Amino acid sequence: NKEGKAVKGARILILGLAYKPNVDDDRESPTYTLIEKLEALGATVDYNDPFIDEISMTREHAELAGRKSVPVSDEFDLLVVATNHEVYSDRDYSRFNCPIVDTRNSIRNPPKLYYKA
């Protein structure tokens, strides 16, 4: 909203699905809840995780099963860093045109529109 774009109708990319950095363990990951809450507000949410190519079936988040990791790009309305994988910290976002909310305070080369959570 701060950048003039409502959550409703926004395309959001979540960076990191794993529970902790640099692993493929997504059990009890808070990112699932984040995706569900953003979608309940009307956003379209994708995720990227270099360690988790596809969301497996779970009892708590069955509706997310089968979704696949998509490439990181600034073609989204917002990027949200949910897991501080090294690959995200090392990436140069300085030329990205979309805002980033960094919930892990891990981005080293942020874009102009950068928010630490």
C-alpha atoms as a PDB file:
ATOM      1  CA  ASN A   1       0.000   0.000   0.000  1.00  0.00           C
ATOM      2  CA  LYS A   2       2.868   2.390   0.792  1.00  0.00           C
ATOM      3  CA  GLU A   3       3.991   2.232  -2.861  1.00  0.00           C
ATOM      4  CA  GLY A   4       0.502   2.918  -4.202  1.00  0.00           C
ATOM      5  CA  LYS A   5      -0.443  -0.701  -4.921  1.00  0.00           C
ATOM      6  CA  ALA A   6      -3.002  -2.575  -2.851  1.00  0.00           C
ATOM      7  CA  VAL A   7      -2.394  -6.164  -1.760  1.00  0.00           C
ATOM      8  CA  LYS A   8      -5.619  -7.108  -3.515  1.00  0.00           C
ATOM      9  CA  GLY A   9      -4.673  -7.853  -7.112  1.00  0.00           C
ATOM     10  CA  ALA A  10      -0.919  -7.710  -6.444  1.00  0.00           C
ATOM     11  CA  ARG A  11       1.516 -10.331  -7.776  1.00  0.00           C
ATOM     12  CA  ILE A  12       3.849 -11.293  -4.919  1.00  0.00           C
ATOM     13  CA  LEU A  13       6.913 -13.531  -4.988  1.00  0.00           C
ATOM     14  CA  ILE A  14       7.984 -15.123  -1.719  1.00  0.00           C
ATOM     15  CA  LEU A  15      11.710 -15.889  -1.568  1.00  0.00           C
ATOM     16  CA  GLY A  16      12.237 -19.018   0.490  1.00  0.00           C
ATOM     17  CA  LEU A  17       9.865 -21.771   1.501  1.00  0.00           C
ATOM     18  CA  ALA A  18      12.261 -23.788   3.665  1.00  0.00           C
ATOM     19  CA  TYR A  19      11.994 -23.570   7.433  1.00  0.00           C
ATOM     20  CA  LYS A  20      15.617 -22.463   7.764  1.00  0.00           C
ATOM     21  CA  PRO A  21      18.426 -21.304   5.441  1.00  0.00           C
ATOM     22  CA  ASN A  22      20.124 -23.525   2.885  1.00  0.00           C
ATOM     23  CA  VAL A  23      18.108 -26.700   3.505  1.00  0.00           C
ATOM     24  CA  ASP A  24      15.151 -28.420   1.845  1.00  0.00           C
ATOM     25  CA  ASP A  25      13.146 -28.859   5.061  1.00  0.00           C
ATOM     26  CA  ASP A  26       9.791 -27.097   4.791  1.00  0.00           C
ATOM     27  CA  ARG A  27       8.099 -28.775   7.760  1.00  0.00           C
ATOM     28  CA  GLU A  28       6.283 -26.182   9.888  1.00  0.00           C
ATOM     29  CA  SER A  29       7.485 -23.393   7.633  1.00  0.00           C
ATOM     30  CA  PRO A  30       5.758 -20.096   8.450  1.00  0.00           C
ATOM     31  CA  THR A  31       5.902 -19.244   4.740  1.00  0.00           C
ATOM     32  CA  TYR A  32       2.860 -21.445   4.109  1.00  0.00           C
ATOM     33  CA  THR A  33       0.789 -19.311   6.467  1.00  0.00           C
ATOM     34  CA  LEU A  34       2.170 -16.140   4.881  1.00  0.00           C
ATOM     35  CA  ILE A  35       1.112 -17.346   1.407  1.00  0.00           C
ATOM     36  CA  GLU A  36      -2.379 -18.199   2.652  1.00  0.00           C
ATOM     37  CA  LYS A  37      -2.843 -14.841   4.388  1.00  0.00           C
ATOM     38  CA  LEU A  38      -1.684 -12.842   1.371  1.00  0.00           C
ATOM     39  CA  GLU A  39      -3.976 -14.840  -0.914  1.00  0.00           C
ATOM     40  CA  ALA A  40      -6.887 -14.293   1.492  1.00  0.00           C
ATOM     41  CA  LEU A  41      -6.268 -10.551   0.995  1.00  0.00           C
ATOM     42  CA  GLY A  42      -6.562 -11.020  -2.780  1.00  0.00           C
ATOM     43  CA  ALA A  43      -2.912 -11.308  -3.863  1.00  0.00           C
ATOM     44  CA  THR A  44      -1.581 -13.822  -6.366  1.00  0.00           C
ATOM     45  CA  VAL A  45       1.403 -15.453  -4.659  1.00  0.00           C
ATOM     46  CA  ASP A  46       4.255 -17.470  -6.141  1.00  0.00           C
ATOM     47  CA  TYR A  47       7.381 -18.709  -4.443  1.00  0.00           C
ATOM     48  CA  ASN A  48      11.017 -19.332  -5.247  1.00  0.00           C
ATOM     49  CA  ASP A  49      13.191 -21.734  -3.310  1.00  0.00           C
ATOM     50  CA  PRO A  50      16.360 -23.276  -4.764  1.00  0.00           C
ATOM     51  CA  PHE A  51      15.992 -26.232  -2.396  1.00  0.00           C
ATOM     52  CA  ILE A  52      12.264 -26.962  -2.864  1.00  0.00           C
ATOM     53  CA  ASP A  53      11.147 -27.345  -6.492  1.00  0.00           C
ATOM     54  CA  GLU A  54       7.552 -28.290  -5.724  1.00  0.00           C
ATOM     55  CA  ILE A  55       5.297 -28.097  -2.676  1.00  0.00           C
ATOM     56  CA  SER A  56       4.443 -31.539  -1.343  1.00  0.00           C
ATOM     57  CA  MET A  57       1.088 -32.551   0.077  1.00  0.00           C
ATOM     58  CA  THR A  58       0.621 -31.645   3.742  1.00  0.00           C
ATOM     59  CA  ARG A  59      -2.415 -31.909   6.007  1.00  0.00           C
ATOM     60  CA  GLU A  60      -2.251 -28.279   7.097  1.00  0.00           C
ATOM     61  CA  HIS A  61      -1.707 -26.709   3.655  1.00  0.00           C
ATOM     62  CA  ALA A  62      -3.102 -29.223   1.163  1.00  0.00           C
ATOM     63  CA  GLU A  63      -4.365 -26.480  -1.162  1.00  0.00           C
ATOM     64  CA  LEU A  64      -0.748 -25.416  -1.871  1.00  0.00           C
ATOM     65  CA  ALA A  65       0.423 -28.888  -2.983  1.00  0.00           C
ATOM     66  CA  GLY A  66       1.789 -29.072  -6.500  1.00  0.00           C
ATOM     67  CA  ARG A  67       2.879 -25.449  -6.787  1.00  0.00           C
ATOM     68  CA  LYS A  68       6.304 -25.082  -8.324  1.00  0.00           C
ATOM     69  CA  SER A  69       9.158 -22.723  -7.621  1.00  0.00           C
ATOM     70  CA  VAL A  70       9.385 -19.895 -10.179  1.00  0.00           C
ATOM     71  CA  PRO A  71      12.433 -17.810 -11.181  1.00  0.00           C
ATOM     72  CA  VAL A  72      13.307 -14.656  -9.250  1.00  0.00           C
ATOM     73  CA  SER A  73      12.543 -11.524 -11.256  1.00  0.00           C
ATOM     74  CA  ASP A  74      11.320  -7.987 -10.749  1.00  0.00           C
ATOM     75  CA  GLU A  75       8.198  -8.658 -12.813  1.00  0.00           C
ATOM     76  CA  PHE A  76       6.251  -8.958  -9.565  1.00  0.00           C
ATOM     77  CA  ASP A  77       4.635  -6.150  -7.616  1.00  0.00           C
ATOM     78  CA  LEU A  78       6.525  -7.185  -4.487  1.00  0.00           C
ATOM     79  CA  LEU A  79       9.239  -9.606  -3.366  1.00  0.00           C
ATOM     80  CA  VAL A  80       9.203 -10.870   0.224  1.00  0.00           C
ATOM     81  CA  VAL A  81      12.296 -12.545   1.685  1.00  0.00           C
ATOM     82  CA  ALA A  82      10.974 -15.244   4.012  1.00  0.00           C
ATOM     83  CA  THR A  83      14.050 -17.507   4.281  1.00  0.00           C
ATOM     84  CA  ASN A  84      17.576 -16.132   4.234  1.00  0.00           C
ATOM     85  CA  HIS A  85      19.141 -18.599   1.830  1.00  0.00           C
ATOM     86  CA  GLU A  86      22.664 -17.519   0.878  1.00  0.00           C
ATOM     87  CA  VAL A  87      21.676 -17.349  -2.787  1.00  0.00           C
ATOM     88  CA  TYR A  88      19.238 -14.528  -1.933  1.00  0.00           C
ATOM     89  CA  SER A  89      21.764 -12.623   0.165  1.00  0.00           C
ATOM     90  CA  ASP A  90      24.389 -12.806  -2.594  1.00  0.00           C
ATOM     91  CA  ARG A  91      22.104 -11.710  -5.443  1.00  0.00           C
ATOM     92  CA  ASP A  92      22.341  -8.128  -6.737  1.00  0.00           C
ATOM     93  CA  TYR A  93      18.868  -6.572  -6.501  1.00  0.00           C
ATOM     94  CA  SER A  94      20.079  -2.997  -6.982  1.00  0.00           C
ATOM     95  CA  ARG A  95      18.494  -2.747 -10.456  1.00  0.00           C
ATOM     96  CA  PHE A  96      15.182  -4.345  -9.523  1.00  0.00           C
ATOM     97  CA  ASN A  97      12.178  -2.093 -10.085  1.00  0.00           C
ATOM     98  CA  CYS A  98       9.862  -3.719  -7.556  1.00  0.00           C
ATOM     99  CA  PRO A  99       9.949  -3.248  -3.795  1.00  0.00           C
ATOM    100  CA  ILE A 100      11.430  -5.888  -1.497  1.00  0.00           C
ATOM    101  CA  VAL A 101      10.325  -6.580   2.056  1.00  0.00           C
ATOM    102  CA  ASP A 102      13.183  -8.377   3.775  1.00  0.00           C
ATOM    103  CA  THR A 103      11.850 -10.189   6.847  1.00  0.00           C
ATOM    104  CA  ARG A 104      15.321 -11.621   7.523  1.00  0.00           C
ATOM    105  CA  ASN A 105      17.422  -8.464   6.999  1.00  0.00           C
ATOM    106  CA  SER A 106      19.676 -10.468   4.717  1.00  0.00           C
ATOM    107  CA  ILE A 107      19.867  -8.594   1.376  1.00  0.00           C
ATOM    108  CA  ARG A 108      23.319  -7.118   0.735  1.00  0.00           C
ATOM    109  CA  ASN A 109      22.593  -5.262  -2.548  1.00  0.00           C
ATOM    110  CA  PRO A 110      19.040  -3.983  -2.166  1.00  0.00           C
ATOM    111  CA  PRO A 111      17.001  -2.045  -4.698  1.00  0.00           C
ATOM    112  CA  LYS A 112      15.871   1.527  -4.126  1.00  0.00           C
ATOM    113  CA  LEU A 113      12.543   0.325  -2.690  1.00  0.00           C
ATOM    114  CA  TYR A 114      13.751  -1.855   0.170  1.00  0.00           C
ATOM    115  CA  TYR A 115      12.072  -2.423   3.505  1.00  0.00           C
ATOM    116  CA  LYS A 116      13.466  -4.335   6.454  1.00  0.00           C
ATOM    117  CA  ALA A 117      10.827  -6.016   8.554  1.00  0.00           C
END
